[in-house]
C-alpha atoms as a PDB file:
ATOM      1  CA  MET A   1    -178.447  99.148 190.677  1.00  0.00           C
ATOM      2  CA  ASP A   2    -181.249  96.860 189.932  1.00  0.00           C
ATOM      3  CA  LEU A   3    -181.839  95.447 186.451  1.00  0.00           C
ATOM      4  CA  SER A   4    -185.477  95.095 187.123  1.00  0.00           C
ATOM      5  CA  GLU A   5    -185.593  98.812 187.063  1.00  0.00           C
ATOM      6  CA  LEU A   6    -184.996  98.710 183.333  1.00  0.00           C
ATOM      7  CA  ASN A   7    -188.260  96.994 182.791  1.00  0.00           C
ATOM      8  CA  GLU A   8    -190.217  99.969 184.350  1.00  0.00           C
ATOM      9  CA  LEU A   9    -188.480 102.674 182.168  1.00  0.00           C
ATOM     10  CA  THR A  10    -190.889 104.515 179.893  1.00  0.00           C
ATOM     11  CA  LEU A  11    -190.529 107.518 177.693  1.00  0.00           C
ATOM     12  CA  ASP A  12    -193.175 109.449 179.824  1.00  0.00           C
ATOM     13  CA  ASN A  13    -190.853 109.477 182.946  1.00  0.00           C
ATOM     14  CA  VAL A  14    -187.407 110.217 181.428  1.00  0.00           C
ATOM     15  CA  GLY A  15    -186.590 112.611 184.204  1.00  0.00           C
ATOM     16  CA  GLU A  16    -186.913 109.771 186.873  1.00  0.00           C
ATOM     17  CA  TRP A  17    -184.568 107.445 185.016  1.00  0.00           C
ATOM     18  CA  PRO A  18    -181.335 106.548 187.019  1.00  0.00           C
ATOM     19  CA  GLY A  19    -178.286 108.644 186.065  1.00  0.00           C
ATOM     20  CA  TRP A  20    -176.368 105.811 184.367  1.00  0.00           C
ATOM     21  CA  VAL A  21    -179.278 105.001 182.062  1.00  0.00           C
ATOM     22  CA  LYS A  22    -179.505 108.549 181.155  1.00  0.00           C
ATOM     23  CA  GLY A  23    -175.755 108.504 180.440  1.00  0.00           C
ATOM     24  CA  VAL A  24    -176.034 105.556 178.250  1.00  0.00           C
ATOM     25  CA  VAL A  25    -178.927 106.899 176.354  1.00  0.00           C
ATOM     26  CA  VAL A  26    -176.994 110.198 175.886  1.00  0.00           C
ATOM     27  CA  LEU A  27    -174.026 108.311 174.683  1.00  0.00           C
ATOM     28  CA  LEU A  28    -175.983 106.207 172.229  1.00  0.00           C
ATOM     29  CA  LEU A  29    -177.799 109.389 170.767  1.00  0.00           C
ATOM     30  CA  CYS A  30    -174.356 111.003 170.441  1.00  0.00           C
ATOM     31  CA  GLY A  31    -173.117 107.863 168.643  1.00  0.00           C
ATOM     32  CA  LEU A  32    -176.079 107.894 166.362  1.00  0.00           C
ATOM     33  CA  LEU A  33    -175.698 111.602 165.629  1.00  0.00           C
ATOM     34  CA  ILE A  34    -172.047 111.236 164.862  1.00  0.00           C
ATOM     35  CA  ALA A  35    -172.626 108.118 162.558  1.00  0.00           C
ATOM     36  CA  GLY A  36    -175.467 109.920 160.769  1.00  0.00           C
ATOM     37  CA  GLY A  37    -173.370 112.983 160.263  1.00  0.00           C
ATOM     38  CA  TYR A  38    -170.553 110.986 158.990  1.00  0.00           C
ATOM     39  CA  TYR A  39    -172.868 109.078 156.641  1.00  0.00           C
ATOM     40  CA  TYR A  40    -174.646 112.107 155.213  1.00  0.00           C
ATOM     41  CA  HIS A  41    -171.999 114.694 155.323  1.00  0.00           C
ATOM     42  CA  VAL A  42    -168.344 113.560 155.927  1.00  0.00           C
ATOM     43  CA  LYS A  43    -168.654 110.606 153.558  1.00  0.00           C
ATOM     44  CA  ASP A  44    -169.338 113.011 150.666  1.00  0.00           C
ATOM     45  CA  LEU A  45    -166.549 115.163 151.821  1.00  0.00           C
ATOM     46  CA  TYR A  46    -164.145 112.193 151.487  1.00  0.00           C
ATOM     47  CA  GLY A  47    -165.440 111.592 148.043  1.00  0.00           C
ATOM     48  CA  ASP A  48    -164.756 115.329 147.210  1.00  0.00           C
ATOM     49  CA  LEU A  49    -161.295 115.013 148.747  1.00  0.00           C
ATOM     50  CA  GLU A  50    -160.484 111.937 146.649  1.00  0.00           C
ATOM     51  CA  ARG A  51    -161.548 113.658 143.400  1.00  0.00           C
ATOM     52  CA  VAL A  52    -159.571 116.856 144.336  1.00  0.00           C
ATOM     53  CA  GLU A  53    -156.447 114.732 145.104  1.00  0.00           C
ATOM     54  CA  LYS A  54    -156.516 113.100 141.717  1.00  0.00           C
ATOM     55  CA  LYS A  55    -157.074 116.369 140.105  1.00  0.00           C
ATOM     56  CA  GLU A  56    -154.081 117.694 141.962  1.00  0.00           C
ATOM     57  CA  LEU A  57    -151.931 114.732 140.732  1.00  0.00           C
ATOM     58  CA  SER A  58    -152.978 115.430 137.110  1.00  0.00           C
ATOM     59  CA  LEU A  59    -152.352 119.193 137.527  1.00  0.00           C
ATOM     60  CA  ARG A  60    -148.862 118.428 138.931  1.00  0.00           C
ATOM     61  CA  LYS A  61    -147.903 116.231 136.067  1.00  0.00           C
ATOM     62  CA  GLU A  62    -149.120 118.817 133.622  1.00  0.00           C
ATOM     63  CA  PHE A  63    -147.139 121.364 135.492  1.00  0.00           C
ATOM     64  CA  GLU A  64    -144.142 119.239 135.447  1.00  0.00           C
ATOM     65  CA  LYS A  65    -144.375 118.777 131.631  1.00  0.00           C
ATOM     66  CA  LYS A  66    -144.812 122.550 131.083  1.00  0.00           C
ATOM     67  CA  GLN A  67    -141.986 123.239 133.467  1.00  0.00           C
ATOM     68  CA  ALA A  68    -139.717 120.882 131.429  1.00  0.00           C
ATOM     69  CA  LYS A  69    -140.660 122.694 128.288  1.00  0.00           C
ATOM     70  CA  ALA A  70    -140.142 126.038 129.851  1.00  0.00           C
ATOM     71  CA  VAL A  71    -136.656 124.862 131.077  1.00  0.00           C
ATOM     72  CA  ASN A  72    -135.826 123.913 127.634  1.00  0.00           C
ATOM     73  CA  LEU A  73    -137.323 126.839 125.861  1.00  0.00           C
ATOM     74  CA  GLU A  74    -133.948 128.301 124.915  1.00  0.00           C
ATOM     75  CA  ALA A  75    -132.909 125.004 123.479  1.00  0.00           C
ATOM     76  CA  TYR A  76    -136.067 124.704 121.534  1.00  0.00           C
ATOM     77  CA  ARG A  77    -135.730 128.187 120.158  1.00  0.00           C
ATOM     78  CA  ALA A  78    -132.118 127.370 118.998  1.00  0.00           C
ATOM     79  CA  GLN A  79    -133.380 124.150 117.442  1.00  0.00           C
ATOM     80  CA  LEU A  80    -136.093 125.968 115.584  1.00  0.00           C
ATOM     81  CA  LYS A  81    -133.539 128.465 114.258  1.00  0.00           C
ATOM     82  CA  GLU A  82    -131.482 125.740 113.174  1.00  0.00           C
ATOM     83  CA  ILE A  83    -134.390 124.076 111.405  1.00  0.00           C
ATOM     84  CA  GLU A  84    -135.369 127.288 109.750  1.00  0.00           C
ATOM     85  CA  ASP A  85    -131.702 127.903 108.524  1.00  0.00           C
ATOM     86  CA  SER A  86    -131.767 124.231 107.197  1.00  0.00           C
ATOM     87  CA  PHE A  87    -135.064 124.769 105.519  1.00  0.00           C
ATOM     88  CA  GLY A  88    -133.770 127.937 103.819  1.00  0.00           C
ATOM     89  CA  ALA A  89    -130.678 126.103 102.665  1.00  0.00           C
ATOM     90  CA  MET A  90    -132.821 123.362 101.241  1.00  0.00           C
ATOM     91  CA  LEU A  91    -135.188 126.002  99.523  1.00  0.00           C
ATOM     92  CA  ARG A  92    -132.027 127.423  97.789  1.00  0.00           C
ATOM     93  CA  GLN A  93    -131.482 123.975  96.305  1.00  0.00           C
ATOM     94  CA  LEU A  94    -134.901 124.153  94.641  1.00  0.00           C
ATOM     95  CA  PRO A  95    -134.817 125.832  91.275  1.00  0.00           C
ATOM     96  CA  ASP A  96    -137.178 128.654  90.440  1.00  0.00           C
ATOM     97  CA  LYS A  97    -139.050 128.856  87.155  1.00  0.00           C
ATOM     98  CA  THR A  98    -136.046 130.590  85.456  1.00  0.00           C
ATOM     99  CA  GLU A  99    -133.673 127.860  86.478  1.00  0.00           C
ATOM    100  CA  VAL A 100    -135.594 124.819  85.379  1.00  0.00           C
ATOM    101  CA  ALA A 101    -134.545 124.822  81.792  1.00  0.00           C
ATOM    102  CA  ALA A 102    -130.853 124.904  82.974  1.00  0.00           C
ATOM    103  CA  LEU A 103    -131.432 122.207  85.403  1.00  0.00           C
ATOM    104  CA  LEU A 104    -132.845 119.954  82.500  1.00  0.00           C
ATOM    105  CA  VAL A 105    -129.741 120.648  80.644  1.00  0.00           C
ATOM    106  CA  ASP A 106    -127.741 119.567  83.634  1.00  0.00           C
ATOM    107  CA  VAL A 107    -129.457 116.367  83.939  1.00  0.00           C
ATOM    108  CA  SER A 108    -129.069 115.504  80.342  1.00  0.00           C
ATOM    109  CA  GLN A 109    -125.376 116.559  80.325  1.00  0.00           C
ATOM    110  CA  THR A 110    -124.781 114.364  83.422  1.00  0.00           C
ATOM    111  CA  GLY A 111    -126.117 111.330  81.605  1.00  0.00           C
ATOM    112  CA  LEU A 112    -124.032 112.066  78.524  1.00  0.00           C
ATOM    113  CA  ALA A 113    -120.912 112.602  80.588  1.00  0.00           C
ATOM    114  CA  SER A 114    -121.563 109.240  82.158  1.00  0.00           C
ATOM    115  CA  GLY A 115    -121.287 107.508  78.653  1.00  0.00           C
ATOM    116  CA  LEU A 116    -125.016 106.871  78.423  1.00  0.00           C
ATOM    117  CA  GLU A 117    -127.116 107.129  75.205  1.00  0.00           C
ATOM    118  CA  PHE A 118    -130.505 108.777  75.725  1.00  0.00           C
ATOM    119  CA  GLU A 119    -133.524 107.146  74.003  1.00  0.00           C
ATOM    120  CA  LEU A 120    -136.133 109.174  75.906  1.00  0.00           C
ATOM    121  CA  PHE A 121    -135.906 112.449  77.711  1.00  0.00           C
ATOM    122  CA  GLN A 122    -139.432 113.605  78.217  1.00  0.00           C
ATOM    123  CA  PRO A 123    -140.183 116.472  80.873  1.00  0.00           C
ATOM    124  CA  MET A 124    -143.697 115.814  82.219  1.00  0.00           C
ATOM    125  CA  PRO A 125    -146.258 118.392  83.428  1.00  0.00           C
ATOM    126  CA  GLU A 126    -145.391 119.767  86.934  1.00  0.00           C
ATOM    127  CA  VAL A 127    -147.373 118.198  89.889  1.00  0.00           C
ATOM    128  CA  LYS A 128    -148.254 120.789  92.611  1.00  0.00           C
ATOM    129  CA  LYS A 129    -148.012 119.910  96.284  1.00  0.00           C
ATOM    130  CA  ASP A 130    -148.300 121.928  99.423  1.00  0.00           C
ATOM    131  CA  PHE A 131    -145.425 124.515  98.946  1.00  0.00           C
ATOM    132  CA  TYR A 132    -143.453 122.945  96.072  1.00  0.00           C
ATOM    133  CA  ALA A 133    -144.178 121.400  92.599  1.00  0.00           C
ATOM    134  CA  GLU A 134    -142.635 118.250  91.345  1.00  0.00           C
ATOM    135  CA  LEU A 135    -141.226 118.474  87.894  1.00  0.00           C
ATOM    136  CA  PRO A 136    -140.920 114.683  86.628  1.00  0.00           C
ATOM    137  CA  ILE A 137    -138.695 113.736  83.700  1.00  0.00           C
ATOM    138  CA  LYS A 138    -139.260 110.351  81.953  1.00  0.00           C
ATOM    139  CA  ILE A 139    -135.909 109.002  80.895  1.00  0.00           C
ATOM    140  CA  ARG A 140    -134.718 105.907  79.109  1.00  0.00           C
ATOM    141  CA  VAL A 141    -130.922 105.427  78.751  1.00  0.00           C
ATOM    142  CA  VAL A 142    -128.725 102.793  77.186  1.00  0.00           C
ATOM    143  CA  GLY A 143    -125.361 101.815  78.897  1.00  0.00           C
ATOM    144  CA  ASN A 144    -123.853  99.506  81.302  1.00  0.00           C
ATOM    145  CA  TYR A 145    -124.287  99.008  84.905  1.00  0.00           C
ATOM    146  CA  HIS A 146    -121.433 101.257  85.981  1.00  0.00           C
ATOM    147  CA  GLU A 147    -122.447 103.956  83.632  1.00  0.00           C
ATOM    148  CA  PHE A 148    -125.969 103.985  85.370  1.00  0.00           C
ATOM    149  CA  GLY A 149    -124.250 104.189  88.782  1.00  0.00           C
ATOM    150  CA  GLU A 150    -122.105 107.034  87.593  1.00  0.00           C
ATOM    151  CA  PHE A 151    -125.236 108.842  86.186  1.00  0.00           C
ATOM    152  CA  VAL A 152    -127.242 108.557  89.455  1.00  0.00           C
ATOM    153  CA  SER A 153    -124.219 109.683  91.399  1.00  0.00           C
ATOM    154  CA  GLY A 154    -123.701 112.617  89.249  1.00  0.00           C
ATOM    155  CA  LEU A 155    -127.556 113.591  89.739  1.00  0.00           C
ATOM    156  CA  ALA A 156    -127.077 113.403  93.429  1.00  0.00           C
ATOM    157  CA  ALA A 157    -124.034 115.782  93.123  1.00  0.00           C
ATOM    158  CA  LEU A 158    -125.873 118.464  91.229  1.00  0.00           C
ATOM    159  CA  PRO A 159    -126.328 121.744  93.255  1.00  0.00           C
ATOM    160  CA  ARG A 160    -130.121 121.342  92.932  1.00  0.00           C
ATOM    161  CA  ILE A 161    -132.334 118.460  94.449  1.00  0.00           C
ATOM    162  CA  VAL A 162    -132.862 115.739  91.842  1.00  0.00           C
ATOM    163  CA  THR A 163    -134.373 112.365  92.966  1.00  0.00           C
ATOM    164  CA  VAL A 164    -134.622 109.134  90.766  1.00  0.00           C
ATOM    165  CA  HIS A 165    -137.785 107.106  91.125  1.00  0.00           C
ATOM    166  CA  ASP A 166    -139.479 103.898  89.466  1.00  0.00           C
ATOM    167  CA  VAL A 167    -136.082 102.634  88.168  1.00  0.00           C
ATOM    168  CA  LYS A 168    -136.269  99.602  85.759  1.00  0.00           C
ATOM    169  CA  ILE A 169    -133.104  97.959  84.474  1.00  0.00           C
ATOM    170  CA  TYR A 170    -133.316  95.307  81.832  1.00  0.00           C
ATOM    171  CA  ARG A 171    -131.095  93.815  79.118  1.00  0.00           C
ATOM    172  CA  ARG A 172    -131.946  94.828  75.715  1.00  0.00           C
ATOM    173  CA  LYS A 173    -133.270  92.021  73.452  1.00  0.00           C
ATOM    174  CA  GLY A 174    -130.516  90.758  71.191  1.00  0.00           C
ATOM    175  CA  GLY A 175    -127.747  92.953  72.610  1.00  0.00           C
ATOM    176  CA  ASP A 176    -125.262  93.222  75.453  1.00  0.00           C
ATOM    177  CA  LYS A 177    -126.253  96.770  76.628  1.00  0.00           C
ATOM    178  CA  LEU A 178    -128.589  97.419  79.489  1.00  0.00           C
ATOM    179  CA  VAL A 179    -131.671  99.836  79.589  1.00  0.00           C
ATOM    180  CA  MET A 180    -132.532 101.887  82.343  1.00  0.00           C
ATOM    181  CA  GLU A 181    -136.043 103.501  82.442  1.00  0.00           C
ATOM    182  CA  ALA A 182    -136.652 105.774  85.411  1.00  0.00           C
ATOM    183  CA  THR A 183    -138.455 109.074  86.416  1.00  0.00           C
ATOM    184  CA  ALA A 184    -136.100 111.838  87.466  1.00  0.00           C
ATOM    185  CA  LYS A 185    -137.854 114.337  89.715  1.00  0.00           C
ATOM    186  CA  THR A 186    -136.668 117.813  90.598  1.00  0.00           C
ATOM    187  CA  TYR A 187    -138.686 120.215  92.653  1.00  0.00           C
ATOM    188  CA  ARG A 188    -139.474 123.826  92.395  1.00  0.00           C
ATOM    189  CA  TYR A 189    -140.629 126.032  95.394  1.00  0.00           C
ATOM    190  CA  LEU A 190    -144.014 127.657  94.934  1.00  0.00           C
ATOM    191  CA  GLU A 191    -143.744 131.240  95.853  1.00  0.00           C
ATOM    192  CA  GLU A 192    -146.551 132.418  98.177  1.00  0.00           C
ATOM    193  CA  GLU A 193    -148.950 134.602  96.254  1.00  0.00           C
ATOM    194  CA  GLY A 194    -150.443 137.454  98.109  1.00  0.00           C
END
């Protein structure tokens, strides 16, 4: 093995090269082919693999969420039925058109039973919302603090829903009585038209 032989190597006489030089050249060419193949083909496949693995993780998380929902489906159905029953009970607490007049009488009688003196009892036009209508009533009553509390408590105890809004309590000028101004609202279910 003489290193001076390397200087005499040319591509014209490859067949006459020593065996070990041919082996080294073949190994270098194989290495270049493998590196080029990796660079141009396998590297892209690794990128694809990484994207697919990320997608797999997101799909697993989505599957786990859906599986958790599916496992609790019966509980959700029971909860939905309970909500529907509760909603039905609340709807029964809303007066229909025929019961509004009786409810107005109930509100005024509750105030009178509490010992209050009505200065203003003014039903306002109803305000339509999504599936119900608000029926506001402007009231101004005269009495003492405990009578106001009894009145509001009596409204809460009515079989129909009545809420009290915009409450203002002040002392009447030149007197020892208090005045309460408020808006009492009751609600009416809007029947679906069809």
